[in-house]
Protein backbone atom coordinates (compact mmCIF):
# COMPACT_ATOMS: atom_id res chain seq x y z
CA MET A 1 5.44 12.58 -19.72
CA ASN A 2 1.89 13.52 -20.83
CA ALA A 3 -0.35 15.91 -18.93
CA SER A 4 -2.70 13.16 -17.72
CA ALA A 5 0.06 11.39 -15.76
CA THR A 6 1.09 14.67 -14.07
CA ALA A 7 -2.52 15.43 -13.24
CA LEU A 8 -2.96 11.94 -11.76
CA LEU A 9 0.05 12.42 -9.47
CA ILE A 10 -1.17 15.82 -8.20
CA HIS A 11 -4.67 14.39 -7.68
CA THR A 12 -3.20 11.49 -5.68
CA LEU A 13 -1.24 13.86 -3.40
CA ILE A 14 -4.33 16.02 -2.78
CA VAL A 15 -6.56 13.01 -2.04
CA ALA A 16 -3.99 11.63 0.40
CA GLN A 17 -3.79 15.03 2.16
CA ALA A 18 -7.59 15.28 2.42
CA ALA A 19 -8.22 11.85 3.93
CA SER A 20 -9.92 12.05 7.32
CA THR A 21 -7.83 9.22 8.72
CA PRO A 22 -4.29 9.20 7.30
CA LEU A 23 -3.08 5.92 5.92
CA PRO A 24 -0.46 4.21 8.08
CA PRO A 25 3.02 4.74 6.65
CA VAL A 26 4.64 1.95 4.71
CA ALA A 27 7.24 0.23 6.84
CA SER A 28 10.63 1.64 5.99
CA TRP A 29 13.91 -0.18 5.94
CA ALA A 30 17.27 1.15 7.00
CA GLN A 31 20.72 -0.37 7.03
CA THR A 32 21.05 -0.69 10.82
CA VAL A 33 22.69 -3.24 13.08
CA ARG A 34 20.32 -6.08 14.00
CA ARG A 35 20.47 -7.82 17.35
CA LEU A 36 19.40 -11.44 17.76
CA THR A 37 19.23 -13.57 20.89
CA VAL A 38 19.61 -17.35 20.86
CA GLY A 39 18.89 -19.89 23.60
CA LEU A 40 15.75 -18.32 25.09
CA GLN A 41 13.17 -20.98 24.22
CA ALA A 42 13.90 -24.37 25.78
CA PRO A 43 12.26 -26.66 23.16
CA ARG A 44 13.99 -25.99 19.88
CA ALA A 45 10.87 -26.96 17.90
CA ALA A 46 8.67 -24.44 19.75
CA THR A 47 9.71 -21.50 17.56
CA PRO A 48 11.36 -21.30 14.12
CA PRO A 49 15.03 -20.32 13.95
CA PRO A 50 15.68 -16.57 13.73
CA GLU A 51 15.76 -15.05 10.25
CA VAL A 52 18.73 -13.32 8.63
CA ARG A 53 18.23 -11.63 5.27
CA ILE A 54 20.91 -12.03 2.60
CA SER A 55 21.27 -10.55 -0.90
CA PRO A 56 23.36 -11.67 -3.89
CA GLY A 57 26.64 -9.77 -4.02
CA MET A 58 26.16 -8.15 -0.59
CA GLY A 59 28.18 -9.21 2.44
CA THR A 60 26.49 -10.11 5.73
CA LEU A 61 28.58 -10.00 8.91
CA LEU A 62 27.50 -12.04 11.95
CA LEU A 63 29.15 -11.03 15.22
CA PHE A 64 28.80 -13.47 18.14
CA ASP A 65 29.47 -12.71 21.80
CA THR A 66 31.00 -16.21 22.12
CA PRO A 67 33.75 -17.72 19.92
CA VAL A 68 32.48 -20.12 17.25
CA ALA A 69 34.28 -23.42 16.64
CA ARG A 70 32.69 -24.24 13.27
CA ALA A 71 29.79 -23.33 11.00
CA GLU A 72 27.60 -25.59 8.85
CA LEU A 73 26.01 -23.81 5.89
CA GLU A 74 23.37 -25.39 3.65
CA GLY A 75 24.20 -24.76 -0.01
CA GLU A 76 27.68 -23.45 0.77
CA LYS A 77 28.66 -23.71 -2.92
CA ARG A 78 26.19 -20.89 -3.64
CA PHE A 79 28.30 -18.45 -1.64
CA THR A 80 31.43 -16.76 -2.96
CA ARG A 81 32.77 -16.29 0.57
CA VAL A 82 32.19 -18.09 3.87
CA GLN A 83 34.84 -17.01 6.35
CA LEU A 84 34.91 -17.81 10.08
CA ALA A 85 37.37 -15.98 12.32
CA GLY A 86 36.80 -16.54 16.04
CA ASP A 87 33.54 -14.80 16.89
CA THR A 88 32.96 -13.35 13.40
CA LEU A 89 31.33 -15.05 10.40
CA THR A 90 31.28 -13.40 6.96
CA LEU A 91 28.80 -14.54 4.27
CA MET A 92 28.78 -13.39 0.62
CA PRO A 93 25.98 -14.98 -1.48
CA SER A 94 26.54 -15.46 -5.20
CA PRO A 95 24.02 -14.39 -7.88
CA SER A 96 22.81 -18.02 -8.07
CA VAL A 97 20.91 -17.64 -4.78
CA GLU A 98 17.17 -17.51 -5.57
CA ASP A 99 14.64 -15.19 -3.87
CA SER A 100 12.25 -18.06 -3.11
CA GLU A 101 14.63 -20.38 -1.24
CA GLU A 102 15.66 -20.49 2.40
CA LEU A 103 19.01 -21.84 3.58
CA ARG A 104 20.01 -23.07 7.04
CA LEU A 105 23.08 -21.92 8.94
CA THR A 106 24.18 -23.72 12.13
CA VAL A 107 27.07 -22.49 14.28
CA HIS A 108 28.73 -24.53 17.03
CA PHE A 109 30.17 -22.58 19.95
CA ALA A 110 33.71 -23.24 21.11
CA ASP A 111 33.24 -23.29 24.91
CA GLY A 112 30.84 -26.27 25.02
CA ALA A 113 28.36 -24.50 27.30
CA ALA A 114 24.62 -24.63 26.67
CA PRO A 115 23.30 -23.97 24.17
CA THR A 116 26.13 -25.63 22.26
CA SER A 117 24.85 -24.44 18.87
CA ALA A 118 22.44 -22.05 17.18
CA THR A 119 20.56 -22.30 13.88
CA PHE A 120 19.47 -19.44 11.59
CA ARG A 121 17.26 -19.19 8.51
CA LEU A 122 19.00 -17.34 5.67
CA VAL A 123 16.25 -15.69 3.61
CA PRO A 124 17.34 -14.22 0.24
CA HIS A 125 16.07 -10.76 -0.74
CA PRO A 126 16.95 -8.87 -3.96
CA THR A 127 18.35 -5.85 -2.09
CA LEU A 128 17.47 -5.92 1.63
CA ALA A 129 20.41 -7.73 3.19
CA ASP A 130 21.14 -7.57 6.92
CA ARG A 131 24.62 -6.10 6.64
CA GLN A 132 25.58 -6.63 10.30
CA VAL A 133 23.93 -8.94 12.85
CA GLU A 134 24.97 -9.11 16.51
CA VAL A 135 24.10 -12.49 18.02
CA HIS A 136 23.79 -12.67 21.81
CA ARG A 137 23.82 -16.08 23.48
CA GLN A 138 22.15 -16.92 26.82
CA ALA A 139 19.73 -14.06 26.52
CA ARG A 140 19.09 -13.42 30.18
CA SER A 141 22.59 -12.07 30.70
CA ALA A 142 23.05 -8.39 31.51
CA ASP A 143 24.43 -7.63 28.04
CA SER A 144 21.47 -9.28 26.36
CA LEU A 145 18.93 -7.46 28.50
CA HIS A 146 20.66 -4.16 27.78
CA ALA A 147 20.63 -4.81 24.02
CA GLU A 148 16.94 -5.73 24.11
CA LEU A 149 16.13 -2.62 26.15
CA LEU A 150 17.89 -0.38 23.63
CA GLU A 151 15.94 -1.97 20.78
CA LYS A 152 12.59 -1.54 22.58
CA GLU A 153 13.36 2.08 23.42
CA GLU A 154 14.17 2.83 19.79
CA GLU A 155 10.92 1.21 18.66
CA LEU A 156 8.96 3.19 21.26
CA ARG A 157 10.49 6.47 20.06
CA ARG A 158 9.57 5.63 16.47
CA LEU A 159 5.95 4.80 17.37
CA ARG A 160 5.57 7.99 19.42
CA SER A 161 6.89 10.05 16.52
CA GLU A 162 4.47 8.42 14.07
CA LEU A 163 1.55 8.93 16.45
CA ALA A 164 2.37 12.62 16.84
CA ARG A 165 2.61 13.02 13.07
CA MET A 166 -0.74 11.30 12.47
CA GLU A 167 -2.51 13.35 15.15
CA ALA A 168 -1.14 16.58 13.71
CA ALA A 169 -2.27 15.59 10.20
CA ARG A 170 -5.91 15.36 11.32
CA ASN A 171 -6.00 19.09 12.01
CA LEU A 172 -4.62 20.17 8.63
CA PRO A 173 -6.72 21.85 5.91
CA ASP A 174 -7.51 19.94 2.72
CA GLY A 175 -6.13 20.13 -0.80
CA LEU A 176 -3.47 22.57 -1.97
CA THR A 177 -4.04 24.72 1.12
CA GLY A 178 -2.92 21.84 3.31
CA MET A 179 0.10 21.14 1.12
CA LEU A 180 1.16 24.79 1.28
CA ALA A 181 0.46 25.01 5.03
CA THR A 182 2.70 22.02 5.73
CA LYS A 183 5.36 23.30 3.29
CA GLN A 184 5.04 20.19 1.15
CA LEU A 185 4.70 22.59 -1.80
CA ASP A 186 6.81 25.72 -2.33
CA ALA A 187 7.44 28.28 -5.07
CA ASN A 188 9.23 25.66 -7.14
CA GLY A 189 6.02 23.64 -7.44
CA ILE A 190 6.38 20.01 -8.51
CA ARG A 191 9.30 19.25 -10.82
CA ALA A 192 9.33 16.22 -13.09
CA ARG A 193 11.97 14.13 -14.83
CA TRP A 194 11.48 11.15 -17.12
CA ARG A 195 14.06 9.14 -19.06
CA ARG A 196 12.99 5.56 -19.61
CA GLU A 197 16.11 4.66 -21.58
CA GLN A 198 18.43 5.43 -18.64
CA LEU A 199 16.72 3.04 -16.21
CA VAL A 200 18.32 -0.29 -15.35
CA LEU A 201 15.61 -2.98 -15.19
CA HIS A 202 16.00 -6.28 -13.34
CA PRO A 203 15.64 -9.20 -15.79
CA ARG A 204 13.26 -11.06 -13.44
CA ASN A 205 10.84 -8.19 -12.80
CA ALA A 206 7.25 -9.28 -12.24
CA LEU A 207 6.12 -6.62 -14.75
CA ASN A 208 7.63 -5.01 -17.84
CA VAL A 209 8.25 -1.32 -17.03
CA THR A 210 7.41 0.86 -20.04
CA ASN A 211 8.02 4.27 -18.47
CA ALA A 212 8.97 5.88 -15.16
CA THR A 213 8.76 9.53 -14.16
CA THR A 214 10.28 11.03 -11.02
CA TYR A 215 8.84 14.04 -9.22
CA ARG A 216 10.15 16.33 -6.51
CA ALA A 217 8.31 18.81 -4.28
CA ALA A 218 9.57 20.67 -1.21
CA THR A 219 9.49 17.75 1.22
CA GLN A 220 8.62 14.74 -0.93
CA VAL A 221 9.76 12.80 -3.95
CA ALA A 222 7.72 10.34 -5.97
CA VAL A 223 8.21 7.79 -8.73
CA PHE A 224 5.34 7.21 -11.18
CA VAL A 225 5.79 3.84 -12.92
CA GLU A 226 3.88 2.60 -15.96
CA CYS A 227 4.01 -1.12 -16.71
CA GLU A 228 2.49 -3.99 -18.67
CA GLU A 229 3.04 -7.67 -19.56
CA LEU A 230 2.48 -9.31 -16.19
CA ARG A 231 4.59 -12.43 -15.62
CA GLY A 232 2.45 -15.19 -14.17
CA ASP A 233 -1.30 -15.63 -13.80
CA ALA A 234 -1.91 -14.07 -10.36
CA PRO A 235 -2.68 -10.31 -10.35
CA TRP A 236 0.10 -8.05 -9.05
CA GLU A 237 -0.43 -5.20 -6.58
CA ALA A 238 2.30 -2.98 -5.11
CA ARG A 239 2.33 -3.28 -1.31
CA SER A 240 5.76 -2.14 -0.06
CA ALA A 241 8.86 -0.44 -1.43
CA THR A 242 12.37 0.84 -0.71
CA LEU A 243 14.43 3.64 -2.28
CA VAL A 244 18.10 2.95 -1.61
CA PRO A 245 20.91 5.18 -2.97
CA ARG A 246 24.25 3.93 -4.17
CA GLU A 247 25.76 5.80 -1.20
CA GLY A 248 24.01 7.14 1.89
CA ALA A 249 20.83 6.33 3.81
CA ALA A 250 17.66 4.88 2.32
CA LEU A 251 14.74 7.29 1.95
CA ARG A 252 11.75 6.90 4.26
CA VAL A 253 8.89 5.62 2.10
CA LEU A 254 5.62 7.38 2.97
CA ARG A 255 3.16 5.45 0.84
CA VAL A 256 2.79 3.05 -2.06
CA TRP A 257 -0.34 3.63 -4.19
CA GLN A 258 -1.93 1.61 -6.97
CA ALA A 259 -5.48 2.15 -8.22
CA ALA A 260 -6.11 -1.55 -8.83
CA PRO A 261 -4.13 -4.79 -9.13
CA THR A 262 -2.53 -5.38 -12.53
CA ALA A 263 -3.81 -8.56 -14.18
CA ALA A 264 -2.60 -10.40 -17.29
CA GLY A 265 -3.15 -8.37 -20.46
CA MET A 266 -3.60 -5.10 -18.54
CA VAL A 267 -1.57 -1.89 -18.53
CA GLY A 268 -0.87 -0.81 -14.96
CA GLN A 269 0.70 2.02 -13.01
CA PHE A 270 1.74 2.68 -9.43
CA ILE A 271 3.30 5.49 -7.38
CA VAL A 272 5.92 5.34 -4.65
CA GLU A 273 6.22 8.46 -2.48
CA ALA A 274 9.11 9.11 -0.09
CA GLU A 275 10.38 11.81 2.23
CA ALA A 276 12.83 14.33 0.74
CA THR A 277 15.41 16.05 2.93
CA ASP A 278 18.19 18.58 2.39
CA THR A 279 20.76 15.88 3.18
CA MET A 280 19.37 13.14 0.92
CA SER A 281 21.77 11.54 -1.53
CA PRO A 282 21.71 12.95 -5.08
CA GLY A 283 21.49 9.38 -6.34
CA PRO A 284 21.29 7.29 -8.34
CA TYR A 285 18.72 5.22 -6.41
CA THR A 286 17.43 1.67 -6.70
CA LEU A 287 13.65 1.39 -6.38
CA THR A 288 12.38 -2.03 -5.28
CA VAL A 289 8.62 -2.66 -5.10
CA TRP A 290 7.04 -5.86 -3.78
CA ALA A 291 3.65 -7.48 -3.94
CA GLU A 292 2.15 -8.98 -0.78
CA GLY A 293 4.57 -11.13 1.21
CA ASP A 294 7.66 -9.33 -0.16
CA LYS A 295 7.55 -11.49 -3.29
CA ARG A 296 7.33 -10.87 -7.06
CA SER A 297 9.40 -7.71 -7.04
CA VAL A 298 9.87 -4.93 -9.58
CA ILE A 299 13.37 -3.41 -9.41
CA LEU A 300 14.43 -0.18 -11.15
CA GLY A 301 18.06 0.94 -11.01
CA ASN A 302 19.66 4.30 -11.87
CA VAL A 303 16.62 6.28 -10.66
CA MET A 304 17.33 10.03 -10.44
CA PHE A 305 15.17 12.86 -9.07
CA PRO A 306 14.89 16.43 -10.43
């Protein structure tokens, strides 16, 4: 990696530290159990069916609190497994499922009570599948209220933690002093690793990745990606990202930065920064970066950090 790219990364970290109002963190994604409630709204057309994310080659398990008699799946031939066993439905999409399409799933409950059925929107994503979804019927039951309360409490704890972090950041010194004061930088400095030939690139990436360099400091890691040959006419700008290891928990993405959108005929670059911990997986990781609306992704596999 040339000296200019390293200098650009260090400059980006210093500018982000010196900002008077810290940028809001990029929404992170973790493989947690989702809870959905069906039957709340009386008119079915008033709100769209709840969304369940699926990914090719990844299983999604739907657990119902009421036995299911049968399931109707749109495009069932595009799934390698659709298995219903009592109150449990297993879905395994095949690689033929496209990112841009939505499929409908309707389940019919066995007891005949209202609501007699529930419909879901299956939304394909390259990597972000809902691995386990708990579906609660007749939402005003005690179990449903308890599940909703737990979810709200978890969200409140997360927001309070983010607020405390942002308030503390306003009182930090600027530049390298701030990075040293917050222990983002230690005696090891910033270590770099670049090996373009070892990356695994998705064949339908929105951009052609020409090089990628990974960096590691005391409490952060970053991936600096250089790209060209935009696919399509609309400019591409990195808006959100995930860093998911082969085993273990996904890293918490702190920010996604790009100087300007990449247009046709341009050479572009972007940086994804994430939180580093002592317990983080050694890798390899899969980096997925999306433009606005979680579309037109760039996926890099076999990403390793120094």
